[in-house]
PDB file of all heavy atoms in Angstrom:
ATOM      1  N   ILE A   1      17.176  47.319  75.215  1.00  0.00           N
ATOM      2  CA  ILE A   1      17.488  46.326  74.164  1.00  0.00           C
ATOM      3  C   ILE A   1      16.577  46.503  72.976  1.00  0.00           C
ATOM      4  O   ILE A   1      16.994  46.480  71.809  1.00  0.00           O
ATOM      5  CB  ILE A   1      17.423  44.941  74.749  1.00  0.00           C
ATOM      6  CG1 ILE A   1      18.651  44.691  75.706  1.00  0.00           C
ATOM      7  CG2 ILE A   1      17.446  43.851  73.582  1.00  0.00           C
ATOM      8  CD1 ILE A   1      18.439  43.317  76.488  1.00  0.00           C
ATOM      9  N   LEU A   2      15.280  46.717  73.253  1.00  0.00           N
ATOM     10  CA  LEU A   2      14.289  46.928  72.117  1.00  0.00           C
ATOM     11  C   LEU A   2      14.587  48.175  71.364  1.00  0.00           C
ATOM     12  O   LEU A   2      14.399  48.218  70.229  1.00  0.00           O
ATOM     13  CB  LEU A   2      12.871  46.940  72.733  1.00  0.00           C
ATOM     14  CG  LEU A   2      12.391  45.615  73.326  1.00  0.00           C
ATOM     15  CD1 LEU A   2      10.966  45.847  73.937  1.00  0.00           C
ATOM     16  CD2 LEU A   2      12.290  44.592  72.219  1.00  0.00           C
ATOM     17  N   CYS A   3      15.041  49.215  72.088  1.00  0.00           N
ATOM     18  CA  CYS A   3      15.382  50.463  71.433  1.00  0.00           C
ATOM     19  C   CYS A   3      16.615  50.283  70.556  1.00  0.00           C
ATOM     20  O   CYS A   3      16.718  50.797  69.406  1.00  0.00           O
ATOM     21  CB  CYS A   3      15.631  51.560  72.438  1.00  0.00           C
ATOM     22  SG  CYS A   3      15.696  53.245  71.784  1.00  0.00           S
ATOM     23  N   ALA A   4      17.600  49.513  71.085  1.00  0.00           N
ATOM     24  CA  ALA A   4      18.792  49.262  70.292  1.00  0.00           C
ATOM     25  C   ALA A   4      18.482  48.378  69.051  1.00  0.00           C
ATOM     26  O   ALA A   4      19.239  48.488  68.055  1.00  0.00           O
ATOM     27  CB  ALA A   4      19.846  48.636  71.191  1.00  0.00           C
ATOM     28  N   MET A   5      17.502  47.524  69.207  1.00  0.00           N
ATOM     29  CA  MET A   5      17.075  46.709  68.071  1.00  0.00           C
ATOM     30  C   MET A   5      16.233  47.455  67.045  1.00  0.00           C
ATOM     31  O   MET A   5      15.766  46.913  66.070  1.00  0.00           O
ATOM     32  CB  MET A   5      16.309  45.475  68.591  1.00  0.00           C
ATOM     33  CG  MET A   5      17.127  44.500  69.393  1.00  0.00           C
ATOM     34  SD  MET A   5      16.079  43.330  70.241  1.00  0.00           S
ATOM     35  CE  MET A   5      14.963  42.708  68.972  1.00  0.00           C
ATOM     36  N   ASP A   6      15.864  48.705  67.344  1.00  0.00           N
ATOM     37  CA  ASP A   6      15.054  49.579  66.508  1.00  0.00           C
ATOM     38  C   ASP A   6      13.591  49.231  66.595  1.00  0.00           C
ATOM     39  O   ASP A   6      12.864  49.639  65.682  1.00  0.00           O
ATOM     40  CB  ASP A   6      15.589  49.558  65.046  1.00  0.00           C
ATOM     41  CG  ASP A   6      15.221  50.931  64.271  1.00  0.00           C
ATOM     42  OD1 ASP A   6      15.194  51.896  65.046  1.00  0.00           O
ATOM     43  OD2 ASP A   6      15.149  50.857  63.099  1.00  0.00           O
ATOM     44  N   VAL A   7      13.182  48.433  67.571  1.00  0.00           N
ATOM     45  CA  VAL A   7      11.768  48.225  67.778  1.00  0.00           C
ATOM     46  C   VAL A   7      11.127  49.532  68.360  1.00  0.00           C
ATOM     47  O   VAL A   7       9.962  49.845  67.965  1.00  0.00           O
ATOM     48  CB  VAL A   7      11.533  47.059  68.809  1.00  0.00           C
ATOM     49  CG1 VAL A   7      10.016  46.924  69.089  1.00  0.00           C
ATOM     50  CG2 VAL A   7      12.129  45.764  68.226  1.00  0.00           C
ATOM     51  N   LEU A   8      11.834  50.205  69.156  1.00  0.00           N
ATOM     52  CA  LEU A   8      11.427  51.488  69.684  1.00  0.00           C
ATOM     53  C   LEU A   8      12.326  52.581  69.170  1.00  0.00           C
ATOM     54  O   LEU A   8      13.521  52.300  69.007  1.00  0.00           O
ATOM     55  CB  LEU A   8      11.416  51.504  71.206  1.00  0.00           C
ATOM     56  CG  LEU A   8      10.403  50.607  71.937  1.00  0.00           C
ATOM     57  CD1 LEU A   8      10.764  50.534  73.459  1.00  0.00           C
ATOM     58  CD2 LEU A   8       8.984  51.155  71.743  1.00  0.00           C
ATOM     59  N   LYS A   9      11.826  53.798  68.919  1.00  0.00           N
ATOM     60  CA  LYS A   9      12.634  54.865  68.481  1.00  0.00           C
ATOM     61  C   LYS A   9      13.202  55.650  69.666  1.00  0.00           C
ATOM     62  O   LYS A   9      12.536  55.706  70.762  1.00  0.00           O
ATOM     63  CB  LYS A   9      11.824  55.784  67.606  1.00  0.00           C
ATOM     64  CG  LYS A   9      11.227  55.190  66.363  1.00  0.00           C
ATOM     65  CD  LYS A   9      12.319  54.590  65.445  1.00  0.00           C
ATOM     66  CE  LYS A   9      11.722  53.969  64.207  1.00  0.00           C
ATOM     67  NZ  LYS A   9      12.799  53.316  63.379  1.00  0.00           N
ATOM     68  N   PRO A  10      14.317  56.250  69.552  1.00  0.00           N
ATOM     69  CA  PRO A  10      14.928  57.008  70.729  1.00  0.00           C
ATOM     70  C   PRO A  10      13.972  58.067  71.222  1.00  0.00           C
ATOM     71  O   PRO A  10      13.836  58.232  72.481  1.00  0.00           O
ATOM     72  CB  PRO A  10      16.165  57.616  70.159  1.00  0.00           C
ATOM     73  CG  PRO A  10      16.566  56.694  69.028  1.00  0.00           C
ATOM     74  CD  PRO A  10      15.235  56.257  68.462  1.00  0.00           C
ATOM     75  N   GLU A  11      13.232  58.764  70.333  1.00  0.00           N
ATOM     76  CA  GLU A  11      12.269  59.818  70.837  1.00  0.00           C
ATOM     77  C   GLU A  11      11.153  59.312  71.607  1.00  0.00           C
ATOM     78  O   GLU A  11      10.469  60.030  72.372  1.00  0.00           O
ATOM     79  CB  GLU A  11      11.849  60.737  69.645  1.00  0.00           C
ATOM     80  CG  GLU A  11      11.070  59.904  68.586  1.00  0.00           C
ATOM     81  CD  GLU A  11      12.048  59.344  67.485  1.00  0.00           C
ATOM     82  OE1 GLU A  11      13.251  59.344  67.683  1.00  0.00           O
ATOM     83  OE2 GLU A  11      11.518  59.010  66.437  1.00  0.00           O
ATOM     84  N   GLN A  12      10.758  58.014  71.418  1.00  0.00           N
ATOM     85  CA  GLN A  12       9.691  57.374  72.171  1.00  0.00           C
ATOM     86  C   GLN A  12      10.014  57.013  73.601  1.00  0.00           C
ATOM     87  O   GLN A  12       9.099  56.947  74.414  1.00  0.00           O
ATOM     88  CB  GLN A  12       9.225  56.106  71.423  1.00  0.00           C
ATOM     89  CG  GLN A  12       8.629  56.341  70.083  1.00  0.00           C
ATOM     90  CD  GLN A  12       8.367  55.136  69.262  1.00  0.00           C
ATOM     91  OE1 GLN A  12       9.116  54.150  69.362  1.00  0.00           O
ATOM     92  NE2 GLN A  12       7.299  55.149  68.383  1.00  0.00           N
ATOM     93  N   VAL A  13      11.300  56.886  73.963  1.00  0.00           N
ATOM     94  CA  VAL A  13      11.659  56.629  75.294  1.00  0.00           C
ATOM     95  C   VAL A  13      12.370  57.749  75.939  1.00  0.00           C
ATOM     96  O   VAL A  13      12.566  57.769  77.148  1.00  0.00           O
ATOM     97  CB  VAL A  13      12.565  55.370  75.295  1.00  0.00           C
ATOM     98  CG1 VAL A  13      11.895  54.130  74.825  1.00  0.00           C
ATOM     99  CG2 VAL A  13      13.884  55.638  74.525  1.00  0.00           C
ATOM    100  N   ASP A  14      12.724  58.781  75.177  1.00  0.00           N
ATOM    101  CA  ASP A  14      13.465  59.971  75.692  1.00  0.00           C
ATOM    102  C   ASP A  14      12.595  60.659  76.780  1.00  0.00           C
ATOM    103  O   ASP A  14      11.443  60.948  76.572  1.00  0.00           O
ATOM    104  CB  ASP A  14      13.803  60.922  74.594  1.00  0.00           C
ATOM    105  CG  ASP A  14      14.766  61.993  75.095  1.00  0.00           C
ATOM    106  OD1 ASP A  14      15.650  61.744  75.840  1.00  0.00           O
ATOM    107  OD2 ASP A  14      14.428  63.173  74.677  1.00  0.00           O
ATOM    108  N   GLY A  15      13.181  60.886  77.881  1.00  0.00           N
ATOM    109  CA  GLY A  15      12.543  61.667  78.966  1.00  0.00           C
ATOM    110  C   GLY A  15      11.774  60.861  79.956  1.00  0.00           C
ATOM    111  O   GLY A  15      11.356  61.381  80.993  1.00  0.00           O
ATOM    112  N   TRP A  16      11.541  59.576  79.596  1.00  0.00           N
ATOM    113  CA  TRP A  16      10.785  58.670  80.585  1.00  0.00           C
ATOM    114  C   TRP A  16      11.764  58.069  81.547  1.00  0.00           C
ATOM    115  O   TRP A  16      12.773  57.514  81.084  1.00  0.00           O
ATOM    116  CB  TRP A  16      10.003  57.585  79.811  1.00  0.00           C
ATOM    117  CG  TRP A  16       8.803  58.090  79.025  1.00  0.00           C
ATOM    118  CD1 TRP A  16       8.684  58.393  77.713  1.00  0.00           C
ATOM    119  CD2 TRP A  16       7.501  58.252  79.569  1.00  0.00           C
ATOM    120  NE1 TRP A  16       7.469  58.775  77.362  1.00  0.00           N
ATOM    121  CE2 TRP A  16       6.687  58.701  78.526  1.00  0.00           C
ATOM    122  CE3 TRP A  16       6.990  58.162  80.825  1.00  0.00           C
ATOM    123  CZ2 TRP A  16       5.335  59.005  78.693  1.00  0.00           C
ATOM    124  CZ3 TRP A  16       5.654  58.469  81.083  1.00  0.00           C
ATOM    125  CH2 TRP A  16       4.816  58.874  79.984  1.00  0.00           C
ATOM    126  N   TYR A  17      11.404  58.009  82.761  1.00  0.00           N
ATOM    127  CA  TYR A  17      12.234  57.294  83.772  1.00  0.00           C
ATOM    128  C   TYR A  17      11.526  55.930  83.973  1.00  0.00           C
ATOM    129  O   TYR A  17      10.302  55.839  84.123  1.00  0.00           O
ATOM    130  CB  TYR A  17      12.235  58.068  85.072  1.00  0.00           C
ATOM    131  CG  TYR A  17      13.301  59.183  85.070  1.00  0.00           C
ATOM    132  CD1 TYR A  17      13.133  60.342  84.245  1.00  0.00           C
ATOM    133  CD2 TYR A  17      14.363  59.163  85.962  1.00  0.00           C
ATOM    134  CE1 TYR A  17      13.946  61.390  84.296  1.00  0.00           C
ATOM    135  CE2 TYR A  17      15.265  60.225  85.921  1.00  0.00           C
ATOM    136  CZ  TYR A  17      15.073  61.340  85.123  1.00  0.00           C
ATOM    137  OH  TYR A  17      15.976  62.363  85.121  1.00  0.00           O
ATOM    138  N   MET A  18      12.337  54.867  84.013  1.00  0.00           N
ATOM    139  CA  MET A  18      11.777  53.506  84.037  1.00  0.00           C
ATOM    140  C   MET A  18      12.196  52.795  85.329  1.00  0.00           C
ATOM    141  O   MET A  18      13.359  52.992  85.788  1.00  0.00           O
ATOM    142  CB  MET A  18      12.249  52.732  82.876  1.00  0.00           C
ATOM    143  CG  MET A  18      12.207  53.395  81.622  1.00  0.00           C
ATOM    144  SD  MET A  18      10.565  53.571  80.880  1.00  0.00           S
ATOM    145  CE  MET A  18      10.973  54.197  79.250  1.00  0.00           C
ATOM    146  N   ALA A  19      11.375  51.971  85.886  1.00  0.00           N
ATOM    147  CA  ALA A  19      11.771  51.033  87.033  1.00  0.00           C
ATOM    148  C   ALA A  19      10.760  49.894  87.104  1.00  0.00           C
ATOM    149  O   ALA A  19       9.557  50.099  86.913  1.00  0.00           O
ATOM    150  CB  ALA A  19      11.797  51.791  88.328  1.00  0.00           C
ATOM    151  N   GLY A  20      11.231  48.684  87.311  1.00  0.00           N
ATOM    152  CA  GLY A  20      10.315  47.568  87.451  1.00  0.00           C
ATOM    153  C   GLY A  20      11.038  46.237  87.263  1.00  0.00           C
ATOM    154  O   GLY A  20      12.074  46.133  86.539  1.00  0.00           O
ATOM    155  N   GLU A  21      10.647  45.269  87.985  1.00  0.00           N
ATOM    156  CA  GLU A  21      11.174  43.915  87.897  1.00  0.00           C
ATOM    157  C   GLU A  21      10.346  43.140  86.978  1.00  0.00           C
ATOM    158  O   GLU A  21       9.054  43.242  86.952  1.00  0.00           O
ATOM    159  CB  GLU A  21      11.187  43.260  89.290  1.00  0.00           C
ATOM    160  CG  GLU A  21      11.721  41.817  89.250  1.00  0.00           C
ATOM    161  CD  GLU A  21      11.689  41.217  90.611  1.00  0.00           C
ATOM    162  OE1 GLU A  21      11.717  41.842  91.659  1.00  0.00           O
ATOM    163  OE2 GLU A  21      11.585  39.873  90.663  1.00  0.00           O
ATOM    164  N   LEU A  22      10.969  42.253  86.132  1.00  0.00           N
ATOM    165  CA  LEU A  22      10.230  41.531  85.216  1.00  0.00           C
ATOM    166  C   LEU A  22      10.170  39.995  85.628  1.00  0.00           C
ATOM    167  O   LEU A  22      11.238  39.455  86.045  1.00  0.00           O
ATOM    168  CB  LEU A  22      10.922  41.531  83.797  1.00  0.00           C
ATOM    169  CG  LEU A  22      10.698  42.874  83.068  1.00  0.00           C
ATOM    170  CD1 LEU A  22      11.638  42.928  81.816  1.00  0.00           C
ATOM    171  CD2 LEU A  22       9.278  43.096  82.668  1.00  0.00           C
ATOM    172  N   SER A  23       9.071  39.377  85.532  1.00  0.00           N
ATOM    173  CA  SER A  23       8.991  37.969  85.671  1.00  0.00           C
ATOM    174  C   SER A  23       9.415  37.287  84.400  1.00  0.00           C
ATOM    175  O   SER A  23       9.589  38.023  83.302  1.00  0.00           O
ATOM    176  CB  SER A  23       7.542  37.483  86.097  1.00  0.00           C
ATOM    177  OG  SER A  23       6.734  37.677  84.997  1.00  0.00           O
ATOM    178  N   LEU A  24       9.512  36.005  84.337  1.00  0.00           N
ATOM    179  CA  LEU A  24       9.912  35.273  83.086  1.00  0.00           C
ATOM    180  C   LEU A  24       8.862  35.421  82.028  1.00  0.00           C
ATOM    181  O   LEU A  24       9.155  35.321  80.803  1.00  0.00           O
ATOM    182  CB  LEU A  24      10.218  33.861  83.405  1.00  0.00           C
ATOM    183  CG  LEU A  24      11.340  33.538  84.347  1.00  0.00           C
ATOM    184  CD1 LEU A  24      11.683  32.083  84.444  1.00  0.00           C
ATOM    185  CD2 LEU A  24      12.654  34.269  83.946  1.00  0.00           C
ATOM    186  N   THR A  25       7.609  35.730  82.434  1.00  0.00           N
ATOM    187  CA  THR A  25       6.528  35.855  81.481  1.00  0.00           C
ATOM    188  C   THR A  25       6.393  37.279  80.981  1.00  0.00           C
ATOM    189  O   THR A  25       5.559  37.589  80.101  1.00  0.00           O
ATOM    190  CB  THR A  25       5.205  35.395  82.119  1.00  0.00           C
ATOM    191  OG1 THR A  25       4.877  36.320  83.219  1.00  0.00           O
ATOM    192  CG2 THR A  25       5.237  34.037  82.521  1.00  0.00           C
ATOM    193  N   GLY A  26       7.086  38.266  81.541  1.00  0.00           N
ATOM    194  CA  GLY A  26       7.050  39.593  81.167  1.00  0.00           C
ATOM    195  C   GLY A  26       6.219  40.468  82.086  1.00  0.00           C
ATOM    196  O   GLY A  26       6.057  41.682  81.864  1.00  0.00           O
ATOM    197  N   GLU A  27       5.604  39.854  83.101  1.00  0.00           N
ATOM    198  CA  GLU A  27       4.723  40.572  84.098  1.00  0.00           C
ATOM    199  C   GLU A  27       5.605  41.546  84.986  1.00  0.00           C
ATOM    200  O   GLU A  27       6.810  41.162  85.211  1.00  0.00           O
ATOM    201  CB  GLU A  27       4.021  39.642  84.961  1.00  0.00           C
ATOM    202  CG  GLU A  27       3.162  40.331  86.056  1.00  0.00           C
ATOM    203  CD  GLU A  27       2.604  39.281  87.030  1.00  0.00           C
ATOM    204  OE1 GLU A  27       2.843  38.141  86.889  1.00  0.00           O
ATOM    205  OE2 GLU A  27       1.989  39.794  88.020  1.00  0.00           O
ATOM    206  N   LEU A  28       5.097  42.699  85.163  1.00  0.00           N
ATOM    207  CA  LEU A  28       5.903  43.689  85.925  1.00  0.00           C
ATOM    208  C   LEU A  28       5.567  43.521  87.429  1.00  0.00           C
ATOM    209  O   LEU A  28       4.416  43.523  87.787  1.00  0.00           O
ATOM    210  CB  LEU A  28       5.515  45.108  85.550  1.00  0.00           C
ATOM    211  CG  LEU A  28       6.231  45.570  84.249  1.00  0.00           C
ATOM    212  CD1 LEU A  28       5.595  46.922  83.818  1.00  0.00           C
ATOM    213  CD2 LEU A  28       7.700  45.766  84.500  1.00  0.00           C
ATOM    214  N   LYS A  29       6.630  43.349  88.192  1.00  0.00           N
ATOM    215  CA  LYS A  29       6.469  43.184  89.669  1.00  0.00           C
ATOM    216  C   LYS A  29       6.891  44.369  90.388  1.00  0.00           C
ATOM    217  O   LYS A  29       7.829  45.040  89.879  1.00  0.00           O
ATOM    218  CB  LYS A  29       7.265  41.907  90.118  1.00  0.00           C
ATOM    219  CG  LYS A  29       6.805  40.596  89.557  1.00  0.00           C
ATOM    220  CD  LYS A  29       7.636  39.417  90.106  1.00  0.00           C
ATOM    221  CE  LYS A  29       6.989  38.117  89.595  1.00  0.00           C
ATOM    222  NZ  LYS A  29       7.701  36.923  90.289  1.00  0.00           N
ATOM    223  N   PRO A  30       6.318  44.719  91.533  1.00  0.00           N
ATOM    224  CA  PRO A  30       6.647  45.968  92.242  1.00  0.00           C
ATOM    225  C   PRO A  30       8.067  45.951  92.769  1.00  0.00           C
ATOM    226  O   PRO A  30       8.664  44.948  93.088  1.00  0.00           O
ATOM    227  CB  PRO A  30       5.665  45.986  93.377  1.00  0.00           C
ATOM    228  CG  PRO A  30       5.213  44.581  93.590  1.00  0.00           C
ATOM    229  CD  PRO A  30       5.201  43.995  92.214  1.00  0.00           C
ATOM    230  N   VAL A  31       8.562  47.159  92.869  1.00  0.00           N
ATOM    231  CA  VAL A  31       9.972  47.354  93.334  1.00  0.00           C
ATOM    232  C   VAL A  31       9.964  48.460  94.444  1.00  0.00           C
ATOM    233  O   VAL A  31       9.048  49.280  94.439  1.00  0.00           O
ATOM    234  CB  VAL A  31      10.891  47.796  92.199  1.00  0.00           C
ATOM    235  CG1 VAL A  31      11.074  46.600  91.218  1.00  0.00           C
ATOM    236  CG2 VAL A  31      10.383  49.021  91.488  1.00  0.00           C
ATOM    237  N   PRO A  32      11.004  48.488  95.263  1.00  0.00           N
ATOM    238  CA  PRO A  32      11.033  49.563  96.262  1.00  0.00           C
ATOM    239  C   PRO A  32      11.575  50.846  95.711  1.00  0.00           C
ATOM    240  O   PRO A  32      12.254  50.836  94.657  1.00  0.00           O
ATOM    241  CB  PRO A  32      12.012  48.995  97.325  1.00  0.00           C
ATOM    242  CG  PRO A  32      12.832  48.028  96.560  1.00  0.00           C
ATOM    243  CD  PRO A  32      12.004  47.515  95.526  1.00  0.00           C
ATOM    244  N   GLY A  33      11.304  51.940  96.345  1.00  0.00           N
ATOM    245  CA  GLY A  33      11.869  53.297  96.055  1.00  0.00           C
ATOM    246  C   GLY A  33      11.242  53.999  94.885  1.00  0.00           C
ATOM    247  O   GLY A  33      11.839  54.957  94.336  1.00  0.00           O
ATOM    248  N   VAL A  34       9.961  53.702  94.568  1.00  0.00           N
ATOM    249  CA  VAL A  34       9.304  54.422  93.505  1.00  0.00           C
ATOM    250  C   VAL A  34       9.021  55.866  93.839  1.00  0.00           C
ATOM    251  O   VAL A  34       9.069  56.733  92.983  1.00  0.00           O
ATOM    252  CB  VAL A  34       7.983  53.710  93.129  1.00  0.00           C
ATOM    253  CG1 VAL A  34       7.102  54.550  92.180  1.00  0.00           C
ATOM    254  CG2 VAL A  34       8.319  52.348  92.438  1.00  0.00           C
ATOM    255  N   LEU A  35       8.683  56.150  95.083  1.00  0.00           N
ATOM    256  CA  LEU A  35       8.384  57.566  95.525  1.00  0.00           C
ATOM    257  C   LEU A  35       9.630  58.484  95.318  1.00  0.00           C
ATOM    258  O   LEU A  35       9.563  59.480  94.634  1.00  0.00           O
ATOM    259  CB  LEU A  35       7.941  57.640  96.935  1.00  0.00           C
ATOM    260  CG  LEU A  35       7.620  59.014  97.538  1.00  0.00           C
ATOM    261  CD1 LEU A  35       6.543  59.702  96.660  1.00  0.00           C
ATOM    262  CD2 LEU A  35       7.153  58.890  98.947  1.00  0.00           C
ATOM    263  N   PRO A  36      10.765  58.099  95.823  1.00  0.00           N
ATOM    264  CA  PRO A  36      12.011  58.984  95.565  1.00  0.00           C
ATOM    265  C   PRO A  36      12.328  59.009  94.068  1.00  0.00           C
ATOM    266  O   PRO A  36      12.843  59.948  93.615  1.00  0.00           O
ATOM    267  CB  PRO A  36      13.057  58.313  96.361  1.00  0.00           C
ATOM    268  CG  PRO A  36      12.595  56.960  96.799  1.00  0.00           C
ATOM    269  CD  PRO A  36      11.133  57.026  96.872  1.00  0.00           C
ATOM    270  N   LEU A  37      12.003  57.918  93.264  1.00  0.00           N
ATOM    271  CA  LEU A  37      12.283  57.914  91.912  1.00  0.00           C
ATOM    272  C   LEU A  37      11.389  58.962  91.223  1.00  0.00           C
ATOM    273  O   LEU A  37      11.873  59.749  90.310  1.00  0.00           O
ATOM    274  CB  LEU A  37      11.928  56.534  91.242  1.00  0.00           C
ATOM    275  CG  LEU A  37      11.779  56.533  89.726  1.00  0.00           C
ATOM    276  CD1 LEU A  37      13.106  56.827  89.031  1.00  0.00           C
ATOM    277  CD2 LEU A  37      11.296  55.145  89.302  1.00  0.00           C
ATOM    278  N   ALA A  38      10.168  59.041  91.616  1.00  0.00           N
ATOM    279  CA  ALA A  38       9.234  59.986  91.025  1.00  0.00           C
ATOM    280  C   ALA A  38       9.684  61.453  91.300  1.00  0.00           C
ATOM    281  O   ALA A  38       9.589  62.345  90.498  1.00  0.00           O
ATOM    282  CB  ALA A  38       7.773  59.832  91.530  1.00  0.00           C
ATOM    283  N   MET A  39      10.162  61.649  92.528  1.00  0.00           N
ATOM    284  CA  MET A  39      10.653  62.999  93.014  1.00  0.00           C
ATOM    285  C   MET A  39      11.911  63.335  92.238  1.00  0.00           C
ATOM    286  O   MET A  39      12.083  64.494  91.766  1.00  0.00           O
ATOM    287  CB  MET A  39      10.856  63.021  94.487  1.00  0.00           C
ATOM    288  CG  MET A  39       9.610  62.744  95.237  1.00  0.00           C
ATOM    289  SD  MET A  39       9.863  62.626  97.077  1.00  0.00           S
ATOM    290  CE  MET A  39      10.086  64.372  97.490  1.00  0.00           C
ATOM    291  N   ALA A  40      12.767  62.354  91.952  1.00  0.00           N
ATOM    292  CA  ALA A  40      13.995  62.646  91.151  1.00  0.00           C
ATOM    293  C   ALA A  40      13.636  62.944  89.722  1.00  0.00           C
ATOM    294  O   ALA A  40      14.284  63.781  89.108  1.00  0.00           O
ATOM    295  CB  ALA A  40      14.947  61.467  91.293  1.00  0.00           C
ATOM    296  N   ALA A  41      12.670  62.225  89.133  1.00  0.00           N
ATOM    297  CA  ALA A  41      12.282  62.457  87.786  1.00  0.00           C
ATOM    298  C   ALA A  41      11.692  63.858  87.617  1.00  0.00           C
ATOM    299  O   ALA A  41      11.905  64.545  86.636  1.00  0.00           O
ATOM    300  CB  ALA A  41      11.242  61.386  87.308  1.00  0.00           C
ATOM    301  N   ARG A  42      10.854  64.341  88.577  1.00  0.00           N
ATOM    302  CA  ARG A  42      10.230  65.643  88.487  1.00  0.00           C
ATOM    303  C   ARG A  42      11.375  66.692  88.574  1.00  0.00           C
ATOM    304  O   ARG A  42      11.375  67.636  87.799  1.00  0.00           O
ATOM    305  CB  ARG A  42       9.271  65.738  89.614  1.00  0.00           C
ATOM    306  CG  ARG A  42       8.556  67.133  89.553  1.00  0.00           C
ATOM    307  CD  ARG A  42       7.529  67.261  90.705  1.00  0.00           C
ATOM    308  NE  ARG A  42       8.166  67.259  91.992  1.00  0.00           N
ATOM    309  CZ  ARG A  42       7.517  67.395  93.137  1.00  0.00           C
ATOM    310  NH1 ARG A  42       6.199  67.446  93.186  1.00  0.00           N
ATOM    311  NH2 ARG A  42       8.118  67.341  94.370  1.00  0.00           N
TER     312      ARG A  42
END
């Protein structure tokens, strides 16, 4: 959404894999499956 709003540029997020749960305050909470995510990103 921030990228579509032009707060972030496409080249700034290109190539990054993202995962995370957000609380209502914006805090990032842990999620399952990060190890296979890292292996898939590599």
